[in-house]
Protein backbone atom coordinates (compact mmCIF):
# COMPACT_ATOMS: atom_id res chain seq x y z
CA MET A 1 83.88 91.47 93.03
CA THR A 2 80.71 93.26 91.78
CA PHE A 3 82.83 96.25 90.79
CA LYS A 4 85.20 94.12 88.75
CA ARG A 5 82.29 92.41 86.99
CA VAL A 6 80.93 95.77 85.94
CA LEU A 7 84.19 97.57 85.21
CA MET A 8 85.96 94.93 83.13
CA PRO A 9 83.18 94.66 80.49
CA MET A 10 83.07 98.47 80.30
CA LEU A 11 86.84 98.60 79.84
CA LEU A 12 86.72 95.90 77.18
CA LEU A 13 83.80 97.62 75.45
CA GLY A 14 85.78 100.85 75.24
CA ILE A 15 88.71 99.01 73.72
CA ILE A 16 86.38 97.24 71.26
CA PHE A 17 84.94 100.58 70.16
CA MET A 18 88.46 101.86 69.61
CA MET A 19 89.40 98.71 67.71
CA GLY A 20 86.38 99.20 65.46
CA SER A 21 88.07 102.09 63.71
CA MET A 22 91.55 100.54 63.63
CA ALA A 23 93.46 99.49 60.59
CA TYR A 24 94.46 95.91 61.34
CA ALA A 25 97.31 95.75 58.87
CA GLN A 26 100.63 95.91 60.67
CA THR A 27 102.39 99.24 60.16
CA ALA A 28 106.00 100.28 60.55
CA ILE A 29 105.26 102.13 63.78
CA ASN A 30 106.97 100.93 66.93
CA CYS A 31 106.11 102.26 70.41
CA GLY A 32 108.00 101.73 73.66
CA LEU A 33 108.78 103.10 77.12
CA LYS A 34 111.64 105.35 78.07
CA THR A 35 112.39 107.17 81.34
CA PRO A 36 114.32 110.43 81.03
CA LEU A 37 114.43 110.37 84.84
CA THR A 38 115.63 107.33 86.73
CA PRO A 39 113.03 105.10 88.41
CA THR A 40 111.90 105.86 91.94
CA PRO A 41 114.73 104.17 93.87
CA ARG A 42 112.73 103.07 96.93
CA ALA A 43 109.12 102.81 98.08
CA ALA A 44 107.57 101.68 101.36
CA ASN A 45 105.92 98.27 101.47
CA THR A 46 102.91 99.85 103.15
CA GLY A 47 102.71 102.87 100.81
CA HIS A 48 99.47 103.69 99.02
CA THR A 49 100.61 106.83 97.17
CA GLU A 50 104.10 106.05 95.89
CA PRO A 51 105.21 108.05 92.80
CA ILE A 52 106.58 106.12 89.82
CA GLY A 53 109.58 107.27 87.78
CA ALA A 54 110.41 109.96 90.33
CA GLY A 55 114.19 109.60 90.29
CA ALA A 56 116.59 109.77 93.19
CA PRO A 57 116.33 112.76 95.54
CA THR A 58 117.96 115.78 93.95
CA ALA A 59 118.68 119.32 95.08
CA THR A 60 116.06 121.93 94.37
CA GLY A 61 116.90 125.49 93.38
CA THR A 62 120.54 126.50 92.89
CA ALA A 63 121.75 126.38 96.46
CA THR A 64 124.35 123.85 97.52
CA PRO A 65 122.62 120.44 97.55
CA THR A 66 122.81 119.75 101.26
CA PRO A 67 120.17 118.02 103.36
CA THR A 68 119.60 121.21 105.32
CA ASN A 69 117.25 123.98 104.31
CA GLY A 70 119.68 126.37 102.60
CA VAL A 71 118.85 129.53 100.67
CA ASP A 72 120.81 130.79 97.69
CA ALA A 73 121.89 134.37 98.39
CA ALA A 74 121.46 135.46 94.77
CA THR A 75 118.19 133.78 93.79
CA GLY A 76 116.53 132.99 97.10
CA ALA A 77 115.97 129.42 95.87
CA LEU A 78 115.70 126.66 98.42
CA GLY A 79 118.56 124.19 98.41
CA PHE A 80 117.31 120.98 99.96
CA LEU A 81 116.89 117.49 98.57
CA ALA A 82 113.52 116.52 97.10
CA SER A 83 111.97 113.88 94.86
CA PRO A 84 110.16 114.13 92.47
CA PRO A 85 111.98 117.35 91.54
CA SER A 86 108.86 119.05 90.19
CA PRO A 87 105.25 119.27 91.44
CA GLY A 88 103.35 116.19 90.32
CA GLY A 89 106.52 114.90 88.70
CA GLY A 90 107.47 111.32 88.22
CA LYS A 91 106.95 110.27 84.64
CA LEU A 92 107.15 107.67 81.94
CA THR A 93 107.82 108.62 78.36
CA ILE A 94 106.05 106.77 75.55
CA THR A 95 107.93 106.95 72.28
CA CYS A 96 106.45 105.99 68.92
CA HIS A 97 108.54 105.95 65.75
CA ASN A 98 107.46 105.57 62.14
CA SER A 99 110.37 103.97 60.34
CA GLY A 100 108.78 104.81 56.99
CA ALA A 101 109.23 101.29 55.71
CA ILE A 102 105.68 101.19 54.34
CA GLY A 103 105.03 104.30 52.28
CA THR A 104 105.79 107.80 53.41
CA VAL A 105 103.06 108.03 56.04
CA ASN A 106 101.22 105.50 58.15
CA ASP A 107 97.74 105.58 59.62
CA PRO A 108 97.35 102.62 62.00
CA GLY A 109 93.78 103.59 62.80
CA VAL A 110 92.66 104.37 66.34
CA VAL A 111 95.19 102.75 68.66
CA ALA A 112 94.76 101.71 72.32
CA LEU A 113 98.00 101.59 74.26
CA THR A 114 97.66 100.04 77.71
CA LEU A 115 100.08 100.85 80.51
CA ASN A 116 99.99 98.12 83.13
CA PHE A 117 101.71 98.72 86.50
CA GLY A 118 100.62 95.48 88.18
CA VAL A 119 99.66 97.36 91.38
CA PRO A 120 96.65 99.58 92.17
CA ILE A 121 96.65 103.17 90.90
CA THR A 122 95.50 105.48 93.69
CA ASN A 123 95.04 108.94 92.15
CA THR A 124 92.84 110.19 89.34
CA THR A 125 92.98 111.80 85.91
CA THR A 126 90.97 114.79 87.11
CA SER A 127 92.07 116.87 90.10
CA HIS A 128 93.37 114.46 92.74
CA PRO A 129 95.60 115.03 94.56
CA GLY A 130 95.63 118.53 93.07
CA THR A 131 95.54 120.67 89.98
CA ASN A 132 98.45 119.80 87.67
CA THR A 133 99.42 116.82 89.85
CA GLN A 134 96.77 114.35 88.66
CA ILE A 135 97.50 111.57 86.14
CA ARG A 136 98.00 113.41 82.87
CA LEU A 137 99.76 113.48 79.52
CA ALA A 138 102.21 116.28 78.87
CA ASN A 139 105.19 117.41 76.80
CA CYS A 140 103.99 115.97 73.51
CA THR A 141 106.27 116.05 70.47
CA GLY A 142 106.05 114.99 66.85
CA ASP A 143 102.69 113.81 65.56
CA PHE A 144 101.18 113.80 69.06
CA LEU A 145 101.38 117.59 69.09
CA ALA A 146 98.89 119.92 67.41
CA ALA A 147 98.63 123.67 67.95
CA GLY A 148 101.07 123.35 70.84
CA LEU A 149 98.85 120.86 72.70
CA CYS A 150 98.58 117.11 73.17
CA THR A 151 95.50 116.78 70.97
CA ASN A 152 96.12 113.51 69.16
CA ILE A 153 96.71 111.34 72.21
CA ALA A 154 94.72 111.18 75.47
CA ILE A 155 93.90 108.99 78.44
CA ASN A 156 90.79 106.99 77.58
CA THR A 157 90.10 104.94 80.73
CA THR A 158 91.78 104.09 84.03
CA ASN A 159 91.30 100.80 85.88
CA TYR A 160 92.46 101.68 89.39
CA SER A 161 92.32 98.23 90.95
CA ALA A 162 94.04 96.55 88.00
CA GLY A 163 96.63 99.32 87.77
CA GLN A 164 96.03 100.08 84.09
CA VAL A 165 95.88 103.27 82.06
CA VAL A 166 94.45 102.98 78.54
CA ILE A 167 95.71 105.69 76.18
CA ALA A 168 93.95 106.47 72.91
CA ILE A 169 95.94 107.56 69.86
CA GLY A 170 93.81 109.20 67.18
CA SER A 171 93.15 112.49 65.51
CA GLY A 172 91.79 115.00 68.03
CA ALA A 173 91.85 112.57 70.98
CA THR A 174 90.62 114.07 74.27
CA LEU A 175 90.41 112.80 77.86
CA GLY A 176 87.83 110.06 78.35
CA THR A 177 86.67 109.87 74.72
CA THR A 178 87.31 107.52 71.82
CA PRO A 179 88.65 109.20 68.64
CA ASN A 180 86.74 108.62 65.41
CA ASN A 181 89.82 108.65 63.18
CA GLY A 182 93.32 107.34 63.37
CA LEU A 183 96.42 109.49 63.55
CA VAL A 184 98.62 109.90 60.49
CA PHE A 185 102.26 109.28 61.49
CA ASN A 186 104.73 111.04 59.23
CA ALA A 187 107.62 109.03 57.88
CA ALA A 188 110.88 108.96 59.85
CA THR A 189 109.21 110.84 62.69
CA THR A 190 109.52 110.15 66.41
CA SER A 191 106.59 111.20 68.58
CA THR A 192 106.76 111.24 72.38
CA VAL A 193 104.44 111.90 75.30
CA ASP A 194 105.08 111.95 79.05
CA VAL A 195 102.66 110.08 81.33
CA MET A 196 102.95 112.06 84.57
CA GLY A 197 101.75 112.02 88.14
CA VAL A 198 100.83 108.33 88.55
CA LEU A 199 100.65 107.23 92.19
CA VAL A 200 100.50 103.53 93.02
CA SER A 201 99.98 101.32 96.06
CA THR A 202 102.94 99.10 96.87
CA ASN A 203 101.33 97.70 100.01
CA GLY A 204 102.47 94.14 100.64
CA LYS A 205 104.92 94.17 97.73
CA THR A 206 108.65 93.53 97.61
CA GLY A 207 111.33 94.04 94.99
CA GLN A 208 110.83 95.91 91.74
CA ILE A 209 107.68 97.46 90.28
CA SER A 210 107.61 97.59 86.47
CA ALA A 211 105.35 99.18 83.88
CA SER A 212 104.55 97.29 80.71
CA LEU A 213 103.12 98.64 77.47
CA SER A 214 100.84 96.73 75.13
CA SER A 215 98.93 97.65 71.99
CA SER A 216 95.50 96.59 70.75
CA GLY A 217 96.85 96.59 67.20
CA GLY A 218 98.09 98.82 64.44
CA VAL A 219 101.43 99.49 66.10
CA SER A 220 104.15 97.23 67.45
CA VAL A 221 105.39 97.49 71.00
CA GLY A 222 109.09 97.36 71.68
CA PRO A 223 112.02 98.25 69.44
CA ALA A 224 112.11 97.35 65.77
CA PRO A 225 114.70 94.71 64.81
CA SER A 226 116.84 97.34 63.11
CA GLY A 227 116.79 100.85 61.76
CA PRO A 228 115.62 104.08 63.42
CA GLY A 229 112.87 102.28 65.38
CA ALA A 230 115.49 100.16 67.11
CA ASN A 231 115.92 102.86 69.79
CA VAL A 232 112.24 103.41 70.43
CA GLY A 233 112.29 101.92 73.93
CA ALA A 234 111.20 98.77 75.73
CA ALA A 235 107.89 96.99 76.26
CA SER A 236 108.57 96.87 80.01
CA ILE A 237 110.62 99.08 82.28
CA SER A 238 111.28 99.54 86.01
CA VAL A 239 109.36 102.41 87.57
CA ILE A 240 110.24 101.63 91.23
CA ASP A 241 113.51 99.81 91.78
CA SER A 242 112.88 98.47 95.29
CA VAL A 243 109.88 98.10 97.59
CA GLN A 244 110.94 97.56 101.18
CA ALA A 245 109.95 98.21 104.78
CA GLY A 246 109.74 101.91 105.58
CA LEU A 247 110.60 101.59 109.27
CA ALA A 248 113.11 99.44 111.08
CA ASP A 249 111.72 97.83 114.22
CA PRO A 250 111.78 100.27 117.15
CA THR A 251 113.64 99.51 120.37
CA SER A 252 113.80 100.80 123.93
CA PRO A 253 117.59 100.85 124.31
CA SER A 254 119.34 100.73 127.65
CA SER A 255 122.03 103.17 126.47
CA LEU A 256 121.17 106.64 125.19
CA PRO A 257 123.20 109.24 123.25
CA ASN A 258 124.95 111.85 125.37
CA LEU A 259 122.77 114.74 124.22
CA PRO A 260 120.77 117.43 126.07
CA PHE A 261 117.48 115.91 124.87
CA PHE A 262 118.11 112.84 127.05
CA VAL A 263 119.02 114.67 130.28
CA GLY A 264 116.76 113.45 133.07
CA VAL A 265 115.72 110.21 131.38
CA SER A 266 117.33 106.78 131.13
CA GLY A 267 117.07 103.83 128.79
CA GLY A 268 114.71 100.91 129.10
CA PRO A 269 111.08 100.81 130.21
CA ALA A 270 109.51 102.75 133.06
CA VAL A 271 108.86 100.67 136.18
CA LEU A 272 106.04 101.26 138.68
CA ASN A 273 105.32 98.65 141.31
CA SER A 274 101.73 97.55 141.73
CA ALA A 275 101.28 100.03 144.57
CA GLY A 276 102.08 102.84 142.11
CA THR A 277 105.53 103.73 143.38
CA ALA A 278 107.78 104.79 140.49
CA ILE A 279 111.00 102.77 140.53
CA LYS A 280 111.90 104.29 137.14
CA GLY A 281 109.59 107.06 135.94
CA ASN A 282 110.39 107.44 132.23
CA PHE A 283 110.95 105.58 128.96
CA VAL A 284 112.55 106.24 125.56
CA LEU A 285 111.87 104.73 122.11
CA ARG A 286 114.31 104.62 119.18
CA ILE A 287 112.64 104.48 115.74
CA PRO A 288 114.95 104.38 112.68
CA GLU A 289 113.79 104.86 109.11
CA ALA A 290 114.60 101.78 107.03
CA PHE A 291 115.94 103.70 104.02
CA VAL A 292 117.46 107.12 103.59
CA ASP A 293 114.55 109.03 102.06
CA MET A 294 111.62 107.58 104.04
CA PHE A 295 111.16 110.44 106.53
CA ARG A 296 110.14 113.61 104.63
CA ASP A 297 108.79 117.04 105.23
CA ALA A 298 105.87 117.88 102.92
CA THR A 299 108.06 120.13 100.80
CA GLN A 300 110.40 117.25 99.95
CA PHE A 301 107.87 115.37 97.85
CA ASN A 302 108.44 117.99 95.16
CA GLY A 303 110.64 120.92 94.38
CA PRO A 304 110.70 124.36 96.06
CA GLY A 305 107.48 125.82 97.34
CA THR A 306 104.31 123.96 98.27
CA LEU A 307 101.92 124.71 95.38
CA GLY A 308 101.12 121.58 93.45
CA ASN A 309 102.81 119.13 95.79
CA PHE A 310 101.83 115.49 95.76
CA PRO A 311 100.69 116.10 99.36
CA ASN A 312 97.42 118.03 99.51
CA SER A 313 98.67 120.48 102.12
CA PRO A 314 102.02 121.83 103.37
CA SER A 315 101.55 119.85 106.59
CA ALA A 316 101.28 116.50 104.76
CA ASP A 317 104.61 115.07 105.89
CA THR A 318 105.52 111.46 106.27
CA GLN A 319 104.22 110.80 109.77
CA VAL A 320 105.10 108.23 112.41
CA GLN A 321 102.53 107.04 114.91
CA VAL A 322 103.36 105.45 118.27
CA VAL A 323 100.48 103.25 119.45
CA LEU A 324 100.43 102.32 123.15
CA SER A 325 98.36 99.46 124.54
CA ASN A 326 97.21 98.33 128.00
CA ILE A 327 97.37 101.77 129.63
CA PRO A 328 95.52 101.61 132.98
CA SER A 329 92.84 104.28 133.22
CA GLY A 330 94.25 107.33 134.99
CA LEU A 331 97.92 106.38 134.61
CA ASN A 332 100.02 109.49 133.99
CA ILE A 333 102.31 109.30 130.94
CA ALA A 334 103.46 112.85 130.32
CA ASP A 335 106.19 115.21 129.11
CA CYS A 336 106.56 113.32 125.83
CA ALA A 337 108.71 114.83 123.09
CA ALA A 338 110.38 113.91 119.78
CA PHE A 339 113.96 114.34 118.56
CA LEU A 340 115.97 113.39 115.46
CA THR A 341 119.52 112.08 115.20
CA ASP A 342 121.56 110.24 112.63
CA ALA A 343 122.20 106.53 112.96
CA GLY A 344 125.25 107.19 115.14
CA GLY A 345 123.34 109.27 117.68
CA THR A 346 124.60 112.68 116.51
CA ILE A 347 122.09 115.53 116.41
CA ALA A 348 120.43 115.70 112.99
CA THR A 349 120.99 118.92 111.09
CA SER A 350 117.29 119.23 110.22
CA GLY A 351 113.91 117.61 110.63
CA SER A 352 112.50 119.33 113.75
CA PRO A 353 110.00 116.59 114.66
CA SER A 354 107.07 117.39 116.92
CA ILE A 355 104.24 115.36 118.45
CA ASN A 356 100.53 116.12 118.45
CA PHE A 357 100.31 116.13 122.27
CA SER A 358 102.69 115.50 125.14
CA ASN A 359 100.44 113.39 127.39
CA ILE A 360 99.20 109.88 126.64
CA THR A 361 96.09 108.40 128.25
CA ALA A 362 94.04 105.23 127.98
CA ALA A 363 91.50 107.25 125.98
CA SER A 364 94.16 108.81 123.69
CA PRO A 365 96.92 106.20 123.34
CA ILE A 366 98.41 107.32 120.00
CA LEU A 367 101.22 109.84 119.46
CA THR A 368 101.61 111.28 115.95
CA VAL A 369 104.95 112.75 114.86
CA ASN A 370 105.27 115.39 112.12
CA PHE A 371 108.46 116.80 110.61
CA ASN A 372 108.46 120.58 110.60
CA ASN A 373 111.57 121.03 108.49
CA VAL A 374 113.32 119.20 105.70
CA THR A 375 114.99 115.92 106.65
CA ASP A 376 118.21 114.37 105.40
CA LEU A 377 117.38 112.30 102.30
CA SER A 378 120.95 111.07 101.94
CA ALA A 379 121.45 109.29 105.30
CA ILE A 380 119.45 107.26 107.80
CA ASP A 381 117.52 109.38 110.31
CA VAL A 382 116.56 108.05 113.74
CA LEU A 383 113.45 109.33 115.49
CA TRP A 384 113.53 109.32 119.30
CA ILE A 385 110.43 109.55 121.51
CA LYS A 386 110.82 110.21 125.23
CA CYS A 387 108.11 110.33 127.86
CA ALA A 388 109.91 111.88 130.82
CA THR A 389 107.17 111.38 133.42
CA VAL A 390 105.39 108.13 134.17
CA SER A 391 103.51 108.06 137.47
CA LEU A 392 100.43 106.61 139.14
CA GLY A 393 98.22 109.62 138.45
CA SER A 394 94.63 108.72 139.27
CA ALA A 395 95.00 105.03 138.39
CA THR A 396 93.56 102.47 140.77
CA THR A 397 95.94 100.27 142.74
CA PRO A 398 97.06 97.62 142.71
CA LEU A 399 98.21 98.23 139.15
CA PRO A 400 97.73 95.31 136.74
CA SER A 401 100.49 92.85 135.95
CA THR A 402 100.05 93.42 132.18
CA PRO A 403 102.68 95.93 131.02
CA VAL A 404 102.08 98.94 128.79
CA THR A 405 103.45 98.20 125.32
CA ALA A 406 104.24 100.23 122.20
CA GLN A 407 104.22 99.66 118.45
CA VAL A 408 104.83 102.08 115.59
CA THR A 409 103.46 102.58 112.08
CA LEU A 410 103.89 104.98 109.19
CA ALA A 411 101.04 107.46 108.84
CA PRO A 412 98.62 108.89 107.81
CA THR A 413 96.98 105.48 107.57
CA GLY A 414 94.21 104.42 105.21
CA ALA A 415 93.30 102.13 102.34
CA ALA A 416 94.46 102.08 98.73
CA LEU A 417 91.02 102.16 97.11
CA SER A 418 87.36 102.33 98.07
CA ALA A 419 85.25 99.23 98.63
CA THR A 420 84.12 99.46 94.99
CA GLY A 421 87.68 99.79 93.67
CA GLY A 422 87.68 103.52 92.99
CA ALA A 423 90.34 106.05 93.92
CA LEU A 424 89.88 107.68 97.33
CA THR A 425 89.74 111.46 97.01
CA ALA A 426 88.00 112.73 100.16
CA LEU A 427 89.89 114.95 102.58
CA THR A 428 90.22 112.28 105.28
CA THR A 429 90.49 109.16 103.09
CA GLY A 430 92.45 110.44 100.11
CA GLN A 431 95.45 111.79 102.00
CA VAL A 432 98.76 111.98 100.18
CA PRO A 433 100.97 110.44 101.40
CA ARG A 434 99.13 107.60 103.18
CA TYR A 435 100.07 104.13 104.32
CA GLN A 436 98.52 100.85 105.32
CA GLN A 437 98.74 100.49 109.07
CA LEU A 438 101.42 97.93 109.95
CA LEU A 439 102.26 97.87 113.64
CA GLN A 440 105.91 97.14 114.36
CA PRO A 441 107.39 95.11 115.93
CA THR A 442 105.05 92.13 115.73
CA THR A 443 105.69 91.51 119.42
CA PRO A 444 105.10 94.90 121.08
CA ILE A 445 107.86 96.63 123.05
CA THR A 446 107.32 96.93 126.80
CA VAL A 447 107.51 100.58 127.84
CA VAL A 448 105.97 100.51 131.33
CA LEU A 449 106.33 97.55 133.70
CA PHE A 450 104.24 96.88 136.79
CA PRO A 451 106.20 94.35 138.87
CA PRO A 452 104.38 93.12 141.96
CA SER A 453 104.75 95.15 145.16
CA ASN A 454 106.71 92.51 147.02
CA THR A 455 109.86 91.88 148.98
CA VAL A 456 112.04 88.90 148.15
CA LEU A 457 113.92 87.44 151.15
CA LEU A 458 116.52 84.68 151.13
CA MET A 459 116.96 82.39 154.14
CA THR A 460 120.38 81.01 153.32
CA PHE A 461 120.12 77.89 155.48
CA GLY A 462 117.33 75.97 157.17
CA PHE A 463 117.24 72.62 158.93
CA VAL A 464 114.50 70.32 160.16
CA GLY A 465 115.62 66.95 161.56
CA PRO A 466 115.74 64.84 164.72
CA GLY A 467 115.95 67.24 167.67
CA TYR A 468 116.04 70.43 165.54
CA ASN A 469 113.68 72.85 163.83
CA THR A 470 113.92 76.30 162.24
CA GLY A 471 111.77 79.17 163.45
CA ILE A 472 110.97 81.92 160.93
CA ALA A 473 109.65 85.45 161.59
CA ILE A 474 108.49 87.81 158.76
CA SER A 475 107.70 91.42 159.72
CA ASN A 476 105.54 93.78 157.63
CA THR A 477 107.22 97.12 158.43
CA THR A 478 104.99 99.36 156.31
CA ILE A 479 104.05 101.21 159.48
CA ASP A 480 107.12 103.30 160.26
CA PRO A 481 107.94 106.58 162.04
CA PHE A 482 108.42 108.56 158.81
CA GLY A 483 104.97 108.70 157.19
CA THR A 484 104.32 108.78 153.46
CA SER A 485 104.69 112.58 153.34
CA GLY A 486 108.15 112.25 154.87
CA GLY A 487 109.35 109.56 152.50
CA GLY A 488 108.15 106.61 154.59
CA ALA A 489 106.30 103.49 153.46
CA ALA A 490 102.72 103.31 152.27
CA ALA A 491 100.79 100.71 154.25
CA SER A 492 100.29 97.45 152.34
CA SER A 493 99.39 93.89 153.24
CA GLY A 494 99.76 90.52 151.56
CA THR A 495 100.43 86.81 151.71
CA VAL A 496 103.81 85.10 152.06
CA THR A 497 105.15 82.50 149.61
CA PHE A 498 107.90 80.01 150.52
CA LEU A 499 110.04 78.32 147.85
CA MET A 500 111.90 75.51 149.67
CA VAL A 501 114.99 74.08 147.93
CA LYS A 502 116.46 70.88 149.42
CA ASN A 503 120.06 69.78 149.02
CA ASP A 504 119.04 67.19 146.43
CA GLY A 505 117.60 69.95 144.22
CA THR A 506 113.94 69.14 144.78
CA THR A 507 111.63 72.10 145.44
CA LYS A 508 108.20 72.84 146.82
CA THR A 509 106.19 76.07 147.02
CA TYR A 510 103.65 77.09 149.62
CA THR A 511 101.62 80.33 149.96
CA THR A 512 99.82 81.32 153.14
CA THR A 513 96.05 81.14 153.05
CA THR A 514 93.09 80.47 155.35
CA GLY A 515 94.14 77.82 157.87
CA SER A 516 97.88 78.35 157.43
CA PRO A 517 99.99 77.45 160.48
CA GLY A 518 101.78 79.97 162.68
CA SER A 519 100.68 83.22 164.26
CA GLY A 520 100.30 86.80 163.03
CA LEU A 521 98.07 86.08 160.01
CA THR A 522 94.55 87.30 159.32
CA GLY A 523 91.92 84.73 158.44
CA ALA A 524 92.89 84.80 154.75
CA GLY A 525 96.59 84.17 155.33
CA ILE A 526 97.46 87.88 155.12
CA VAL A 527 100.25 89.61 157.02
CA ALA A 528 98.70 92.98 157.78
CA SER A 529 100.68 96.21 157.85
CA GLY A 530 102.55 96.36 161.18
CA SER A 531 102.22 92.62 161.90
CA THR A 532 104.79 89.85 162.24
CA TYR A 533 104.22 86.32 161.00
CA VAL A 534 105.92 83.59 163.06
CA VAL A 535 106.01 79.96 161.96
CA ASN A 536 108.14 76.81 162.13
CA LEU A 537 109.68 75.51 158.96
CA SER A 538 108.42 72.02 159.88
CA GLU A 539 104.83 73.36 159.78
CA ILE A 540 105.35 74.77 156.29
CA LEU A 541 106.87 71.45 155.16
CA ASP A 542 103.81 69.63 156.44
CA LYS A 543 101.30 71.95 154.76
CA ALA A 544 103.28 71.78 151.49
CA GLY A 545 103.53 67.97 151.63
CA PHE A 546 107.31 68.16 151.45
CA GLY A 547 108.20 65.54 154.02
CA THR A 548 109.30 65.81 157.65
CA SER A 549 112.95 66.75 157.20
CA PHE A 550 114.76 69.56 155.41
CA THR A 551 118.29 70.72 154.70
CA GLY A 552 118.66 73.60 152.24
CA TYR A 553 117.70 77.23 151.57
CA VAL A 554 114.37 79.04 151.28
CA PHE A 555 113.25 81.98 149.11
CA ILE A 556 110.51 83.89 150.92
CA THR A 557 108.38 86.27 148.83
CA ALA A 558 106.35 88.66 150.97
CA ASN A 559 103.59 90.09 148.76
CA PHE A 560 103.97 93.52 150.33
CA THR A 561 106.77 96.06 150.48
CA PHE A 562 109.35 96.57 153.22
CA ALA A 563 109.33 93.03 154.62
CA HIS A 564 112.17 91.90 156.88
CA GLY A 565 112.85 88.54 158.46
CA ALA A 566 114.78 86.50 160.96
CA ALA A 567 115.35 82.74 161.32
CA THR A 568 116.82 80.61 164.10
CA ILE A 569 117.65 76.90 164.20
CA TYR A 570 116.77 75.67 167.69
CA THR A 571 116.64 72.42 169.71
CA THR A 572 113.16 71.01 170.00
CA SER A 573 113.83 69.58 173.47
CA THR A 574 114.68 72.85 175.21
CA GLY A 575 113.92 75.56 172.62
CA ALA A 576 117.46 76.81 172.94
CA ALA A 577 118.91 78.58 169.93
CA ALA A 578 121.48 76.49 168.11
CA LEU A 579 122.23 78.71 165.08
CA SER A 580 121.01 82.02 163.80
CA THR A 581 120.61 81.84 160.02
CA PRO A 582 120.59 85.04 157.93
CA VAL A 583 117.40 86.14 156.19
CA LEU A 584 118.58 88.59 153.53
CA VAL A 585 116.51 91.16 151.64
CA LEU A 586 117.23 90.84 147.93
CA PRO A 587 117.20 93.85 145.59
CA ALA A 588 114.03 94.31 143.51
CA VAL A 589 113.72 91.44 141.08
CA SER A 590 111.52 91.68 137.97
CA THR A 591 111.79 91.49 134.22
CA ALA A 592 112.77 95.16 134.38
CA GLN A 593 115.40 94.72 137.11
CA THR A 594 117.06 91.34 136.96
CA ARG A 595 119.32 89.81 139.61
CA ASN A 596 122.73 91.36 139.36
CA THR A 597 125.83 89.29 138.69
CA PRO A 598 127.36 89.26 141.22
CA GLU A 599 124.61 90.44 143.54
CA GLY A 600 124.99 92.31 146.79
CA LEU A 601 123.16 90.52 149.59
CA ASP A 602 123.41 93.34 152.09
CA GLN A 603 120.34 94.30 154.10
């Protein structure tokens, strides 16, 4: 706010000084905006350094305009798609025409033309992002040209936060100064100047970005009603046709393309139970660009070569960052790599993405992807990230129930302007390109699940009634003859939870604890490794407050691995077995591995 209070009076003062030497009588000079190149077709809605008037991607050099990096045999020119087509390109043309209706020449006095983009301007009129790529005036013609140079028109001031460039027209105008004398426009003469290199922030915007031209006086803006000035141009013109999301929301698909890159991995999240055993030890992310020319190698922001690019170094590609959350300390997420395909899953002809490191840790949870070769600017590219190894590592067990999640954002990330509203030009804050961090999707994708280390058993029938009861035995078989080194179980202990479902559909849940009935429990209701818990169903009913009779089925969740069970309906008078009821071990059930339809209830 302080910056605006200071800057706006200064800007107005400069305009007032310029107006002091203006001739206020209306002249026959009309000025307007033309674009020899088409507008920039698309810009990212998080972009801070989007070029205006850059045109659609075009082929550089003379080689066949293919998305791949081709070389012309005769000239050696590169033949890939790029936009803008020249270093620091992207331009607006201001055209001023003297129709000669009033005398043979016209001197409107010192004129201030204001270009208003309606969004912040993020580069400077000096040397940012680089020599000959800053905001500048070039290619003057007519009365704007003197001794082969643009000496009668110059940028006077730039309001970065307001997105305005004030251009002075006057004899001998130079950058940052106010001319003392107006410029004499010859009759029937058209004068033009290109405003080049403007970068703007489109963060949070949608739709079209337009530039408008206004005058402080002395000249009219927009075409004359008739005559030669009728073709001078418009007062407002599109400079970016569409601002839209740069990335489509990423997914972790269950089905993967049949390509060598995906050998050894499968779709969906990795799954480690809370004891650290890997049920599925890998995950894959699919990250599509949202429009065809979003992903770019540094060389594709301009024409052939790297000198004078909008980016400030050859490595300044569009980047994609993958941000992981909730990684337990010590968890091993390794062998990560990047790959590029088209939207149909066919290998991309170019792009060569790479990541900054192949292992992700709780201390370093962000992967950054660079493109090491030109990408296809004529079709949607899809970036794939695989992490082929997910294991316990040195993490402490039991692992938490909170899953590891992922979101993505365009990068490098940063702000549009400084806290005082100035353009950012430092090496780490003034990067070109750069984007506002926007983590997608809003609800993060689960990439590593930690389902509880449990065994789900199903007792298909139980009965408690006059003369009958059901005896239940649950064994913790995590002591076995194989040993962990031979593929056997790791010792684990836990409670037992009963979900009792009666024939009328009513349910009740009970978990063993201190004072639970039966035998084989420790003091805290735990079934230790190698122990067997034996209890009557009637005792569980009593503790759960579920009445004195039961007909139905029971889900039994043993909060340890490798549980097995048995159940028998017997007569209470003699203890004789009346019916043996199956207690089945269900397959692993979690959000990662749902119950199959139909399911196999084999032991």
